[in-house]
Amino acid sequence: MVSFRERDRLSQVVVINVSSTEPLGPVRRAYQSLDALEVALARKPDVLPPSSLYAYD
């Protein structure tokens, strides 16, 4: 970040943490391939947590 700030001649850099605070869920067979995930999502959309579902869509 220091090199970014210096390279672009910035007086300051603001960093915002936007990482998810969702708990880690169970590992599921649906995660083994895209085909498996799409089948699982068609049956039951809650196979993915909301943040992942939003990113997938």
PDB file of N, CA and C in Angstrom:
ATOM      1  N   MET A   1       0.810  -1.179   0.000  1.00  0.00           N
ATOM      2  CA  MET A   1       0.000   0.000   0.000  1.00  0.00           C
ATOM      3  C   MET A   1       0.860   1.251   0.000  1.00  0.00           C
ATOM      4  N   VAL A   2       1.994   1.145   0.625  1.00  0.00           N
ATOM      5  CA  VAL A   2       2.890   2.298   0.663  1.00  0.00           C
ATOM      6  C   VAL A   2       3.336   2.649  -0.758  1.00  0.00           C
ATOM      7  N   SER A   3       3.712   1.647  -1.532  1.00  0.00           N
ATOM      8  CA  SER A   3       4.153   1.935  -2.902  1.00  0.00           C
ATOM      9  C   SER A   3       3.005   2.496  -3.744  1.00  0.00           C
ATOM     10  N   PHE A   4       1.807   1.998  -3.542  1.00  0.00           N
ATOM     11  CA  PHE A   4       0.629   2.536  -4.231  1.00  0.00           C
ATOM     12  C   PHE A   4       0.441   4.012  -3.880  1.00  0.00           C
ATOM     13  N   ARG A   5       0.489   4.300  -2.586  1.00  0.00           N
ATOM     14  CA  ARG A   5       0.318   5.684  -2.135  1.00  0.00           C
ATOM     15  C   ARG A   5       1.399   6.592  -2.708  1.00  0.00           C
ATOM     16  N   GLU A   6       2.643   6.129  -2.655  1.00  0.00           N
ATOM     17  CA  GLU A   6       3.753   6.937  -3.160  1.00  0.00           C
ATOM     18  C   GLU A   6       3.714   7.074  -4.678  1.00  0.00           C
ATOM     19  N   ARG A   7       3.434   5.994  -5.365  1.00  0.00           N
ATOM     20  CA  ARG A   7       3.401   6.012  -6.829  1.00  0.00           C
ATOM     21  C   ARG A   7       2.335   6.987  -7.351  1.00  0.00           C
ATOM     22  N   ASP A   8       1.190   7.003  -6.698  1.00  0.00           N
ATOM     23  CA  ASP A   8       0.101   7.876  -7.140  1.00  0.00           C
ATOM     24  C   ASP A   8       0.052   9.203  -6.387  1.00  0.00           C
ATOM     25  N   ARG A   9       1.103   9.448  -5.604  1.00  0.00           N
ATOM     26  CA  ARG A   9       1.262  10.708  -4.867  1.00  0.00           C
ATOM     27  C   ARG A   9       0.018  11.064  -4.044  1.00  0.00           C
ATOM     28  N   LEU A  10      -0.419  10.093  -3.284  1.00  0.00           N
ATOM     29  CA  LEU A  10      -1.587  10.283  -2.428  1.00  0.00           C
ATOM     30  C   LEU A  10      -1.150  10.681  -1.031  1.00  0.00           C
ATOM     31  N   SER A  11      -1.921  11.512  -0.391  1.00  0.00           N
ATOM     32  CA  SER A  11      -1.581  11.898   0.982  1.00  0.00           C
ATOM     33  C   SER A  11      -2.010  10.827   1.978  1.00  0.00           C
ATOM     34  N   GLN A  12      -3.041  10.060   1.620  1.00  0.00           N
ATOM     35  CA  GLN A  12      -3.486   8.972   2.489  1.00  0.00           C
ATOM     36  C   GLN A  12      -4.229   7.923   1.676  1.00  0.00           C
ATOM     37  N   VAL A  13      -4.342   6.744   2.243  1.00  0.00           N
ATOM     38  CA  VAL A  13      -5.077   5.641   1.632  1.00  0.00           C
ATOM     39  C   VAL A  13      -6.049   5.116   2.676  1.00  0.00           C
ATOM     40  N   VAL A  14      -7.289   4.936   2.265  1.00  0.00           N
ATOM     41  CA  VAL A  14      -8.312   4.400   3.159  1.00  0.00           C
ATOM     42  C   VAL A  14      -8.613   2.975   2.714  1.00  0.00           C
ATOM     43  N   VAL A  15      -8.561   2.035   3.634  1.00  0.00           N
ATOM     44  CA  VAL A  15      -8.831   0.635   3.346  1.00  0.00           C
ATOM     45  C   VAL A  15     -10.091   0.236   4.096  1.00  0.00           C
ATOM     46  N   ILE A  16     -11.014  -0.369   3.373  1.00  0.00           N
ATOM     47  CA  ILE A  16     -12.269  -0.804   3.985  1.00  0.00           C
ATOM     48  C   ILE A  16     -12.365  -2.316   3.865  1.00  0.00           C
ATOM     49  N   ASN A  17     -12.583  -2.970   4.966  1.00  0.00           N
ATOM     50  CA  ASN A  17     -12.718  -4.423   4.999  1.00  0.00           C
ATOM     51  C   ASN A  17     -14.157  -4.783   4.630  1.00  0.00           C
ATOM     52  N   VAL A  18     -14.324  -5.426   3.493  1.00  0.00           N
ATOM     53  CA  VAL A  18     -15.665  -5.821   3.060  1.00  0.00           C
ATOM     54  C   VAL A  18     -15.811  -7.344   3.054  1.00  0.00           C
ATOM     55  N   SER A  19     -14.974  -8.019   3.786  1.00  0.00           N
ATOM     56  CA  SER A  19     -15.046  -9.475   3.836  1.00  0.00           C
ATOM     57  C   SER A  19     -16.307  -9.928   4.560  1.00  0.00           C
ATOM     58  N   SER A  20     -16.711 -11.110   4.251  1.00  0.00           N
ATOM     59  CA  SER A  20     -17.923 -11.663   4.831  1.00  0.00           C
ATOM     60  C   SER A  20     -17.694 -12.086   6.280  1.00  0.00           C
ATOM     61  N   THR A  21     -18.731 -11.929   7.063  1.00  0.00           N
ATOM     62  CA  THR A  21     -18.677 -12.400   8.447  1.00  0.00           C
ATOM     63  C   THR A  21     -19.541 -13.642   8.626  1.00  0.00           C
ATOM     64  N   GLU A  22     -19.957 -14.226   7.505  1.00  0.00           N
ATOM     65  CA  GLU A  22     -20.759 -15.445   7.583  1.00  0.00           C
ATOM     66  C   GLU A  22     -19.903 -16.590   8.105  1.00  0.00           C
ATOM     67  N   PRO A  23     -20.492 -17.417   8.936  1.00  0.00           N
ATOM     68  CA  PRO A  23     -19.732 -18.586   9.412  1.00  0.00           C
ATOM     69  C   PRO A  23     -19.476 -19.555   8.256  1.00  0.00           C
ATOM     70  N   LEU A  24     -18.423 -20.302   8.364  1.00  0.00           N
ATOM     71  CA  LEU A  24     -18.089 -21.311   7.372  1.00  0.00           C
ATOM     72  C   LEU A  24     -19.125 -22.425   7.438  1.00  0.00           C
ATOM     73  N   GLY A  25     -19.665 -22.780   6.289  1.00  0.00           N
ATOM     74  CA  GLY A  25     -20.694 -23.819   6.246  1.00  0.00           C
ATOM     75  C   GLY A  25     -20.088 -25.188   5.991  1.00  0.00           C
ATOM     76  N   PRO A  26     -20.940 -26.202   5.955  1.00  0.00           N
ATOM     77  CA  PRO A  26     -20.453 -27.556   5.715  1.00  0.00           C
ATOM     78  C   PRO A  26     -19.993 -27.728   4.263  1.00  0.00           C
ATOM     79  N   VAL A  27     -19.071 -28.632   4.049  1.00  0.00           N
ATOM     80  CA  VAL A  27     -18.635 -28.970   2.693  1.00  0.00           C
ATOM     81  C   VAL A  27     -19.701 -29.891   2.096  1.00  0.00           C
ATOM     82  N   ARG A  28     -20.144 -29.576   0.909  1.00  0.00           N
ATOM     83  CA  ARG A  28     -21.221 -30.342   0.288  1.00  0.00           C
ATOM     84  C   ARG A  28     -20.777 -30.925  -1.045  1.00  0.00           C
ATOM     85  N   ARG A  29     -21.436 -31.987  -1.464  1.00  0.00           N
ATOM     86  CA  ARG A  29     -21.136 -32.583  -2.771  1.00  0.00           C
ATOM     87  C   ARG A  29     -21.363 -31.588  -3.896  1.00  0.00           C
ATOM     88  N   ALA A  30     -22.287 -30.680  -3.703  1.00  0.00           N
ATOM     89  CA  ALA A  30     -22.603 -29.686  -4.725  1.00  0.00           C
ATOM     90  C   ALA A  30     -21.406 -28.801  -5.064  1.00  0.00           C
ATOM     91  N   TYR A  31     -20.426 -28.753  -4.190  1.00  0.00           N
ATOM     92  CA  TYR A  31     -19.256 -27.901  -4.405  1.00  0.00           C
ATOM     93  C   TYR A  31     -18.170 -28.584  -5.243  1.00  0.00           C
ATOM     94  N   GLN A  32     -18.384 -29.825  -5.624  1.00  0.00           N
ATOM     95  CA  GLN A  32     -17.348 -30.590  -6.332  1.00  0.00           C
ATOM     96  C   GLN A  32     -17.194 -30.210  -7.802  1.00  0.00           C
ATOM     97  N   SER A  33     -18.268 -29.681  -8.403  1.00  0.00           N
ATOM     98  CA  SER A  33     -18.186 -29.257  -9.806  1.00  0.00           C
ATOM     99  C   SER A  33     -19.282 -28.235 -10.074  1.00  0.00           C
ATOM    100  N   LEU A  34     -19.118 -27.491 -11.136  1.00  0.00           N
ATOM    101  CA  LEU A  34     -20.124 -26.504 -11.504  1.00  0.00           C
ATOM    102  C   LEU A  34     -21.434 -27.180 -11.866  1.00  0.00           C
ATOM    103  N   ASP A  35     -21.361 -28.303 -12.558  1.00  0.00           N
ATOM    104  CA  ASP A  35     -22.581 -29.034 -12.908  1.00  0.00           C
ATOM    105  C   ASP A  35     -23.349 -29.457 -11.652  1.00  0.00           C
ATOM    106  N   ALA A  36     -22.628 -29.995 -10.679  1.00  0.00           N
ATOM    107  CA  ALA A  36     -23.263 -30.436  -9.432  1.00  0.00           C
ATOM    108  C   ALA A  36     -23.873 -29.245  -8.693  1.00  0.00           C
ATOM    109  N   LEU A  37     -23.181 -28.130  -8.704  1.00  0.00           N
ATOM    110  CA  LEU A  37     -23.693 -26.935  -8.035  1.00  0.00           C
ATOM    111  C   LEU A  37     -24.974 -26.446  -8.703  1.00  0.00           C
ATOM    112  N   GLU A  38     -24.992 -26.412 -10.017  1.00  0.00           N
ATOM    113  CA  GLU A  38     -26.172 -25.928 -10.730  1.00  0.00           C
ATOM    114  C   GLU A  38     -27.385 -26.833 -10.503  1.00  0.00           C
ATOM    115  N   VAL A  39     -27.163 -28.137 -10.443  1.00  0.00           N
ATOM    116  CA  VAL A  39     -28.251 -29.069 -10.149  1.00  0.00           C
ATOM    117  C   VAL A  39     -28.773 -28.815  -8.738  1.00  0.00           C
ATOM    118  N   ALA A  40     -27.873 -28.669  -7.787  1.00  0.00           N
ATOM    119  CA  ALA A  40     -28.267 -28.442  -6.398  1.00  0.00           C
ATOM    120  C   ALA A  40     -29.001 -27.113  -6.246  1.00  0.00           C
ATOM    121  N   LEU A  41     -28.531 -26.083  -6.918  1.00  0.00           N
ATOM    122  CA  LEU A  41     -29.188 -24.782  -6.830  1.00  0.00           C
ATOM    123  C   LEU A  41     -30.591 -24.816  -7.423  1.00  0.00           C
ATOM    124  N   ALA A  42     -30.787 -25.602  -8.477  1.00  0.00           N
ATOM    125  CA  ALA A  42     -32.112 -25.716  -9.085  1.00  0.00           C
ATOM    126  C   ALA A  42     -33.099 -26.370  -8.119  1.00  0.00           C
ATOM    127  N   ARG A  43     -32.607 -27.274  -7.296  1.00  0.00           N
ATOM    128  CA  ARG A  43     -33.468 -27.981  -6.334  1.00  0.00           C
ATOM    129  C   ARG A  43     -33.678 -27.189  -5.052  1.00  0.00           C
ATOM    130  N   LYS A  44     -32.593 -26.595  -4.582  1.00  0.00           N
ATOM    131  CA  LYS A  44     -32.625 -25.962  -3.259  1.00  0.00           C
ATOM    132  C   LYS A  44     -31.636 -24.792  -3.248  1.00  0.00           C
ATOM    133  N   PRO A  45     -32.114 -23.571  -3.443  1.00  0.00           N
ATOM    134  CA  PRO A  45     -31.209 -22.419  -3.566  1.00  0.00           C
ATOM    135  C   PRO A  45     -30.335 -22.133  -2.344  1.00  0.00           C
ATOM    136  N   ASP A  46     -30.685 -22.674  -1.186  1.00  0.00           N
ATOM    137  CA  ASP A  46     -29.877 -22.368  -0.004  1.00  0.00           C
ATOM    138  C   ASP A  46     -28.639 -23.257   0.127  1.00  0.00           C
ATOM    139  N   VAL A  47     -28.257 -23.909  -0.975  1.00  0.00           N
ATOM    140  CA  VAL A  47     -27.022 -24.703  -0.987  1.00  0.00           C
ATOM    141  C   VAL A  47     -25.812 -23.796  -0.761  1.00  0.00           C
ATOM    142  N   LEU A  48     -25.916 -22.549  -1.214  1.00  0.00           N
ATOM    143  CA  LEU A  48     -24.852 -21.567  -1.011  1.00  0.00           C
ATOM    144  C   LEU A  48     -25.297 -20.529   0.008  1.00  0.00           C
ATOM    145  N   PRO A  49     -24.351 -19.974   0.769  1.00  0.00           N
ATOM    146  CA  PRO A  49     -24.708 -18.868   1.657  1.00  0.00           C
ATOM    147  C   PRO A  49     -25.079 -17.647   0.809  1.00  0.00           C
ATOM    148  N   PRO A  50     -25.824 -16.698   1.359  1.00  0.00           N
ATOM    149  CA  PRO A  50     -26.280 -15.534   0.586  1.00  0.00           C
ATOM    150  C   PRO A  50     -25.167 -14.788  -0.154  1.00  0.00           C
ATOM    151  N   SER A  51     -24.019 -14.588   0.472  1.00  0.00           N
ATOM    152  CA  SER A  51     -22.949 -13.851  -0.197  1.00  0.00           C
ATOM    153  C   SER A  51     -22.433 -14.585  -1.418  1.00  0.00           C
ATOM    154  N   SER A  52     -22.313 -15.898  -1.335  1.00  0.00           N
ATOM    155  CA  SER A  52     -21.846 -16.698  -2.471  1.00  0.00           C
ATOM    156  C   SER A  52     -22.897 -16.762  -3.557  1.00  0.00           C
ATOM    157  N   LEU A  53     -24.145 -16.872  -3.174  1.00  0.00           N
ATOM    158  CA  LEU A  53     -25.223 -16.902  -4.142  1.00  0.00           C
ATOM    159  C   LEU A  53     -25.276 -15.588  -4.908  1.00  0.00           C
ATOM    160  N   TYR A  54     -25.107 -14.487  -4.218  1.00  0.00           N
ATOM    161  CA  TYR A  54     -25.080 -13.177  -4.849  1.00  0.00           C
ATOM    162  C   TYR A  54     -23.903 -13.070  -5.821  1.00  0.00           C
ATOM    163  N   ALA A  55     -22.749 -13.547  -5.431  1.00  0.00           N
ATOM    164  CA  ALA A  55     -21.577 -13.494  -6.295  1.00  0.00           C
ATOM    165  C   ALA A  55     -21.722 -14.418  -7.495  1.00  0.00           C
ATOM    166  N   TYR A  56     -22.377 -15.551  -7.305  1.00  0.00           N
ATOM    167  CA  TYR A  56     -22.562 -16.519  -8.392  1.00  0.00           C
ATOM    168  C   TYR A  56     -23.514 -15.994  -9.434  1.00  0.00           C
ATOM    169  N   ASP A  57     -24.564 -15.329  -8.982  1.00  0.00           N
ATOM    170  CA  ASP A  57     -25.610 -14.839  -9.858  1.00  0.00           C
ATOM    171  C   ASP A  57     -25.106 -13.756 -10.698  1.00  0.00           C
TER     172      ASP A  57
END
